Each structure stands twice: as C-alpha cells, then as structure tokens.
Amino acid sequence: MSSNSNCIFCQIVANESPARVRYLDEEIIVIVNKLTWVPLMLLVMPKKHMRQSEMWESGFMNRMGEVAVDMGWSFAPNGFRILSNFGRDGLQSQSHAHLHVIGGMALGEYA
C-alpha cells in the first residue's frame, strides 16, 4: 500500500497518529474530523495515498461513495452532505484524497 511519511492521513492509516475511527476495511478508513463546525464531520479516505483527482478519476470512487453514504445515514439519519475539495482555493488542506461527510443539524444553504 502506497504511503507518504509526511502525510498525516498516511500516519493515521499506519497507526502512527491517533484518530477516532468509525469504519475500517482493507481499502478505506473513516475517521472523525478534528474540526467541529457541525456536529458530524467525518473524513472518508482511501488507505492508499492518492491525489483527490486520482480518487475521482478511478473506479475506486464508487466504493468511496458507498461508504460515505452508509456513514452519513448511520450518523446523520435526518440528512447529510458529502463534500470533496480540490486545490487551495477549494479549501483542500491535505493532499491525501478524501471525502467529507457532514451533518447532525440543519445545514442551511451553506455549511
């Protein structure tokens, strides 16, 4: 499995950095985001280090989407959003591909 020693998400996957894990399988890990803007903030990510666009352009995105939707319904049964940020202007702060699942409250037009 490809990893980057400078990547915090790779460190979490390797159990070198702590995280509150909500789901784990051979290819995907879901953790609680350290940000707390809304009650539910999960990060769904491939265990393999890849770029955001690589995740979307591959067939792997289907599996990521399934897990993200399952996590959303499990932790925010009244509704949730799935977000994906690309580049600095899109507020992508980590190079490791990931999806955000947010919810737990009425989100309004923008969260």
N, C-alpha and C. Protein backbone atom coordinates (compact mmCIF):
# COMPACT_ATOMS: atom_id res chain seq x y z
N MET A 1 0.85 -1.18 0.00
CA MET A 1 0.00 0.00 0.00
C MET A 1 0.89 1.24 0.00
N SER A 2 0.63 2.13 -0.91
CA SER A 2 1.41 3.34 -1.07
C SER A 2 1.13 4.32 0.07
N SER A 3 2.18 4.93 0.60
CA SER A 3 2.00 5.92 1.66
C SER A 3 3.04 7.02 1.51
N ASN A 4 2.82 8.09 2.26
CA ASN A 4 3.71 9.24 2.26
C ASN A 4 4.01 9.55 3.72
N SER A 5 5.26 9.45 4.12
CA SER A 5 5.62 9.61 5.53
C SER A 5 5.32 11.00 6.08
N ASN A 6 5.18 12.01 5.20
CA ASN A 6 4.86 13.37 5.65
C ASN A 6 3.36 13.64 5.71
N CYS A 7 2.55 12.66 5.34
CA CYS A 7 1.10 12.84 5.26
C CYS A 7 0.44 12.39 6.56
N ILE A 8 -0.31 13.28 7.20
CA ILE A 8 -0.98 12.94 8.46
C ILE A 8 -1.99 11.82 8.26
N PHE A 9 -2.67 11.78 7.12
CA PHE A 9 -3.64 10.71 6.88
C PHE A 9 -2.92 9.36 6.72
N CYS A 10 -1.77 9.34 6.06
CA CYS A 10 -0.97 8.11 5.95
C CYS A 10 -0.48 7.67 7.34
N GLN A 11 -0.13 8.63 8.19
CA GLN A 11 0.29 8.31 9.55
C GLN A 11 -0.87 7.69 10.34
N ILE A 12 -2.08 8.20 10.14
CA ILE A 12 -3.26 7.63 10.80
C ILE A 12 -3.50 6.20 10.30
N VAL A 13 -3.43 6.00 8.99
CA VAL A 13 -3.62 4.66 8.42
C VAL A 13 -2.60 3.69 8.99
N ALA A 14 -1.36 4.14 9.19
CA ALA A 14 -0.28 3.29 9.71
C ALA A 14 -0.30 3.19 11.24
N ASN A 15 -1.30 3.74 11.88
CA ASN A 15 -1.41 3.76 13.35
C ASN A 15 -0.25 4.49 14.02
N GLU A 16 0.30 5.47 13.33
CA GLU A 16 1.38 6.28 13.88
C GLU A 16 0.88 7.59 14.46
N SER A 17 -0.38 7.90 14.19
CA SER A 17 -1.01 9.11 14.70
C SER A 17 -2.42 8.74 15.12
N PRO A 18 -2.91 9.30 16.24
CA PRO A 18 -4.23 8.90 16.74
C PRO A 18 -5.38 9.47 15.92
N ALA A 19 -6.48 8.74 15.92
CA ALA A 19 -7.71 9.20 15.26
C ALA A 19 -8.86 8.38 15.83
N ARG A 20 -10.04 8.96 15.79
CA ARG A 20 -11.25 8.24 16.20
C ARG A 20 -11.84 7.59 14.94
N VAL A 21 -11.62 6.30 14.82
CA VAL A 21 -12.03 5.55 13.62
C VAL A 21 -13.49 5.14 13.75
N ARG A 22 -14.26 5.38 12.70
CA ARG A 22 -15.67 5.00 12.65
C ARG A 22 -15.92 3.84 11.70
N TYR A 23 -14.97 3.58 10.80
CA TYR A 23 -15.10 2.47 9.85
C TYR A 23 -13.71 2.14 9.33
N LEU A 24 -13.51 0.86 9.05
CA LEU A 24 -12.21 0.41 8.54
C LEU A 24 -12.42 -0.88 7.76
N ASP A 25 -11.85 -0.94 6.56
CA ASP A 25 -11.80 -2.19 5.81
C ASP A 25 -10.44 -2.26 5.12
N GLU A 26 -10.29 -3.15 4.17
CA GLU A 26 -8.99 -3.34 3.50
C GLU A 26 -8.52 -2.12 2.73
N GLU A 27 -9.48 -1.30 2.23
CA GLU A 27 -9.13 -0.19 1.35
C GLU A 27 -9.48 1.19 1.88
N ILE A 28 -10.40 1.27 2.83
CA ILE A 28 -10.96 2.56 3.25
C ILE A 28 -10.94 2.69 4.76
N ILE A 29 -10.71 3.92 5.22
CA ILE A 29 -10.81 4.26 6.64
C ILE A 29 -11.69 5.50 6.76
N VAL A 30 -12.52 5.53 7.78
CA VAL A 30 -13.35 6.70 8.08
C VAL A 30 -13.01 7.15 9.48
N ILE A 31 -12.66 8.43 9.61
CA ILE A 31 -12.31 8.99 10.92
C ILE A 31 -13.16 10.22 11.21
N VAL A 32 -13.21 10.58 12.48
CA VAL A 32 -13.86 11.81 12.89
C VAL A 32 -12.88 12.95 12.62
N ASN A 33 -13.35 13.97 11.92
CA ASN A 33 -12.53 15.14 11.63
C ASN A 33 -12.24 15.89 12.93
N LYS A 34 -11.05 16.45 13.04
CA LYS A 34 -10.72 17.24 14.23
C LYS A 34 -11.47 18.57 14.24
N LEU A 35 -11.96 19.01 13.09
CA LEU A 35 -12.77 20.22 13.02
C LEU A 35 -14.17 19.92 13.54
N THR A 36 -14.80 20.93 14.13
CA THR A 36 -16.12 20.71 14.74
C THR A 36 -17.12 21.79 14.34
N TRP A 37 -17.12 22.14 13.07
CA TRP A 37 -18.02 23.19 12.59
C TRP A 37 -19.48 22.79 12.71
N VAL A 38 -19.78 21.50 12.51
CA VAL A 38 -21.12 20.94 12.65
C VAL A 38 -20.98 19.66 13.48
N PRO A 39 -22.09 19.17 14.04
CA PRO A 39 -21.98 18.00 14.92
C PRO A 39 -21.32 16.77 14.30
N LEU A 40 -21.59 16.49 13.03
CA LEU A 40 -20.98 15.34 12.37
C LEU A 40 -20.00 15.82 11.32
N MET A 41 -18.75 15.46 11.49
CA MET A 41 -17.73 15.77 10.48
C MET A 41 -16.82 14.54 10.37
N LEU A 42 -17.08 13.72 9.36
CA LEU A 42 -16.28 12.53 9.12
C LEU A 42 -15.42 12.72 7.88
N LEU A 43 -14.30 12.05 7.86
CA LEU A 43 -13.42 12.02 6.69
C LEU A 43 -13.37 10.58 6.20
N VAL A 44 -13.75 10.37 4.96
CA VAL A 44 -13.71 9.06 4.31
C VAL A 44 -12.53 9.08 3.37
N MET A 45 -11.58 8.17 3.56
CA MET A 45 -10.38 8.24 2.74
C MET A 45 -9.87 6.85 2.35
N PRO A 46 -9.22 6.78 1.20
CA PRO A 46 -8.56 5.53 0.84
C PRO A 46 -7.36 5.33 1.75
N LYS A 47 -7.08 4.09 2.08
CA LYS A 47 -5.89 3.82 2.89
C LYS A 47 -4.62 4.09 2.07
N LYS A 48 -4.72 3.90 0.77
CA LYS A 48 -3.60 4.17 -0.13
C LYS A 48 -3.53 5.68 -0.38
N HIS A 49 -2.33 6.22 -0.32
CA HIS A 49 -2.15 7.65 -0.60
C HIS A 49 -2.37 7.89 -2.09
N MET A 50 -3.32 8.78 -2.40
CA MET A 50 -3.56 9.18 -3.79
C MET A 50 -4.05 10.61 -3.80
N ARG A 51 -3.96 11.25 -4.97
CA ARG A 51 -4.44 12.62 -5.14
C ARG A 51 -5.97 12.63 -5.21
N GLN A 52 -6.56 13.77 -4.91
CA GLN A 52 -8.01 13.94 -4.96
C GLN A 52 -8.56 13.59 -6.35
N SER A 53 -7.95 14.14 -7.38
CA SER A 53 -8.42 13.87 -8.74
C SER A 53 -8.23 12.41 -9.11
N GLU A 54 -7.19 11.77 -8.62
CA GLU A 54 -6.95 10.35 -8.88
C GLU A 54 -8.09 9.51 -8.29
N MET A 55 -8.55 9.87 -7.11
CA MET A 55 -9.65 9.16 -6.47
C MET A 55 -10.91 9.26 -7.34
N TRP A 56 -11.20 10.47 -7.82
CA TRP A 56 -12.41 10.69 -8.63
C TRP A 56 -12.32 10.05 -9.99
N GLU A 57 -11.14 10.02 -10.58
CA GLU A 57 -10.97 9.50 -11.94
C GLU A 57 -10.90 7.98 -12.01
N SER A 58 -10.74 7.35 -10.86
CA SER A 58 -10.62 5.89 -10.83
C SER A 58 -11.98 5.26 -10.51
N GLY A 59 -12.09 3.99 -10.73
CA GLY A 59 -13.30 3.26 -10.35
C GLY A 59 -13.46 3.17 -8.85
N PHE A 60 -12.42 3.52 -8.10
CA PHE A 60 -12.45 3.44 -6.64
C PHE A 60 -13.48 4.40 -6.03
N MET A 61 -13.82 5.45 -6.76
CA MET A 61 -14.77 6.44 -6.24
C MET A 61 -16.14 5.82 -5.96
N ASN A 62 -16.52 4.80 -6.73
CA ASN A 62 -17.79 4.13 -6.45
C ASN A 62 -17.81 3.55 -5.04
N ARG A 63 -16.76 2.88 -4.68
CA ARG A 63 -16.66 2.28 -3.33
C ARG A 63 -16.62 3.36 -2.26
N MET A 64 -15.85 4.42 -2.50
CA MET A 64 -15.77 5.54 -1.55
C MET A 64 -17.15 6.14 -1.33
N GLY A 65 -17.90 6.33 -2.41
CA GLY A 65 -19.24 6.89 -2.31
C GLY A 65 -20.18 6.01 -1.51
N GLU A 66 -20.11 4.70 -1.72
CA GLU A 66 -20.94 3.77 -0.95
C GLU A 66 -20.68 3.89 0.55
N VAL A 67 -19.41 3.92 0.91
CA VAL A 67 -19.06 4.03 2.33
C VAL A 67 -19.49 5.38 2.88
N ALA A 68 -19.27 6.45 2.13
CA ALA A 68 -19.65 7.79 2.60
C ALA A 68 -21.16 7.87 2.84
N VAL A 69 -21.96 7.33 1.93
CA VAL A 69 -23.42 7.35 2.09
C VAL A 69 -23.82 6.50 3.30
N ASP A 70 -23.23 5.33 3.45
CA ASP A 70 -23.54 4.48 4.62
C ASP A 70 -23.22 5.21 5.92
N MET A 71 -22.09 5.87 5.97
CA MET A 71 -21.70 6.60 7.18
C MET A 71 -22.66 7.77 7.43
N GLY A 72 -23.03 8.47 6.37
CA GLY A 72 -23.97 9.57 6.51
C GLY A 72 -25.28 9.13 7.10
N TRP A 73 -25.88 8.07 6.54
CA TRP A 73 -27.17 7.60 7.07
C TRP A 73 -27.03 7.04 8.48
N SER A 74 -25.88 6.42 8.78
CA SER A 74 -25.67 5.85 10.12
C SER A 74 -25.56 6.92 11.19
N PHE A 75 -24.85 8.01 10.89
CA PHE A 75 -24.55 9.01 11.91
C PHE A 75 -25.40 10.29 11.79
N ALA A 76 -26.09 10.47 10.68
CA ALA A 76 -26.95 11.65 10.50
C ALA A 76 -28.22 11.22 9.74
N PRO A 77 -29.08 10.46 10.41
CA PRO A 77 -30.25 9.89 9.74
C PRO A 77 -31.25 10.91 9.20
N ASN A 78 -31.18 12.15 9.63
CA ASN A 78 -32.09 13.18 9.13
C ASN A 78 -31.53 13.90 7.91
N GLY A 79 -30.31 13.59 7.51
CA GLY A 79 -29.71 14.20 6.33
C GLY A 79 -28.27 14.59 6.54
N PHE A 80 -27.53 14.70 5.44
CA PHE A 80 -26.10 14.99 5.49
C PHE A 80 -25.64 15.48 4.13
N ARG A 81 -24.41 15.95 4.07
CA ARG A 81 -23.77 16.34 2.81
C ARG A 81 -22.47 15.56 2.66
N ILE A 82 -22.12 15.31 1.41
CA ILE A 82 -20.82 14.73 1.08
C ILE A 82 -20.10 15.78 0.24
N LEU A 83 -18.92 16.17 0.69
CA LEU A 83 -18.15 17.23 0.03
C LEU A 83 -16.78 16.71 -0.39
N SER A 84 -16.26 17.31 -1.44
CA SER A 84 -14.91 17.00 -1.90
C SER A 84 -14.25 18.30 -2.33
N ASN A 85 -13.12 18.61 -1.74
CA ASN A 85 -12.41 19.85 -2.03
C ASN A 85 -11.22 19.58 -2.94
N PHE A 86 -10.99 20.50 -3.89
CA PHE A 86 -9.88 20.37 -4.83
C PHE A 86 -9.04 21.63 -4.79
N GLY A 87 -7.78 21.51 -4.48
CA GLY A 87 -6.84 22.62 -4.50
C GLY A 87 -7.04 23.62 -3.36
N ARG A 88 -6.07 24.50 -3.22
CA ARG A 88 -6.09 25.50 -2.14
C ARG A 88 -7.32 26.39 -2.17
N ASP A 89 -7.69 26.88 -3.37
CA ASP A 89 -8.86 27.74 -3.47
C ASP A 89 -10.15 26.99 -3.14
N GLY A 90 -10.14 25.68 -3.31
CA GLY A 90 -11.30 24.85 -2.96
C GLY A 90 -11.25 24.36 -1.53
N LEU A 91 -10.31 24.88 -0.75
CA LEU A 91 -10.12 24.57 0.68
C LEU A 91 -9.61 23.16 0.94
N GLN A 92 -8.89 22.57 -0.02
CA GLN A 92 -8.26 21.27 0.23
C GLN A 92 -6.99 21.50 1.02
N SER A 93 -6.97 21.02 2.26
CA SER A 93 -5.81 21.25 3.13
C SER A 93 -4.87 20.05 3.20
N GLN A 94 -5.31 18.88 2.74
CA GLN A 94 -4.48 17.68 2.77
C GLN A 94 -4.37 17.11 1.35
N SER A 95 -3.18 16.67 0.98
CA SER A 95 -3.00 16.13 -0.37
C SER A 95 -3.58 14.72 -0.51
N HIS A 96 -3.77 14.01 0.60
CA HIS A 96 -4.32 12.66 0.59
C HIS A 96 -5.81 12.74 0.25
N ALA A 97 -6.24 12.01 -0.76
CA ALA A 97 -7.64 12.05 -1.21
C ALA A 97 -8.60 11.74 -0.07
N HIS A 98 -9.74 12.44 -0.05
CA HIS A 98 -10.74 12.19 0.99
C HIS A 98 -12.06 12.85 0.64
N LEU A 99 -13.10 12.39 1.29
CA LEU A 99 -14.43 12.98 1.22
C LEU A 99 -14.82 13.43 2.61
N HIS A 100 -15.60 14.48 2.69
CA HIS A 100 -16.17 14.94 3.95
C HIS A 100 -17.62 14.50 4.01
N VAL A 101 -18.04 13.96 5.13
CA VAL A 101 -19.46 13.70 5.39
C VAL A 101 -19.83 14.60 6.56
N ILE A 102 -20.74 15.54 6.33
CA ILE A 102 -21.13 16.47 7.39
C ILE A 102 -22.64 16.43 7.61
N GLY A 103 -23.04 16.67 8.83
CA GLY A 103 -24.46 16.67 9.16
C GLY A 103 -24.68 16.78 10.65
N GLY A 104 -25.80 16.23 11.08
CA GLY A 104 -26.14 16.28 12.50
C GLY A 104 -26.95 17.50 12.89
N MET A 105 -27.30 18.33 11.91
CA MET A 105 -28.12 19.53 12.14
C MET A 105 -28.61 20.01 10.78
N ALA A 106 -29.57 20.90 10.77
CA ALA A 106 -29.99 21.52 9.52
C ALA A 106 -28.83 22.37 9.03
N LEU A 107 -28.34 22.09 7.85
CA LEU A 107 -27.12 22.75 7.36
C LEU A 107 -27.39 24.08 6.67
N GLY A 108 -28.60 24.35 6.29
CA GLY A 108 -28.88 25.59 5.57
C GLY A 108 -28.31 25.51 4.17
N GLU A 109 -28.23 26.66 3.51
CA GLU A 109 -27.72 26.66 2.13
C GLU A 109 -26.24 26.30 2.08
N TYR A 110 -25.47 26.79 3.03
CA TYR A 110 -24.03 26.53 3.04
C TYR A 110 -23.61 26.18 4.47
N ALA A 111 -22.65 25.26 4.59
CA ALA A 111 -22.14 24.89 5.91
C ALA A 111 -20.72 25.39 6.04
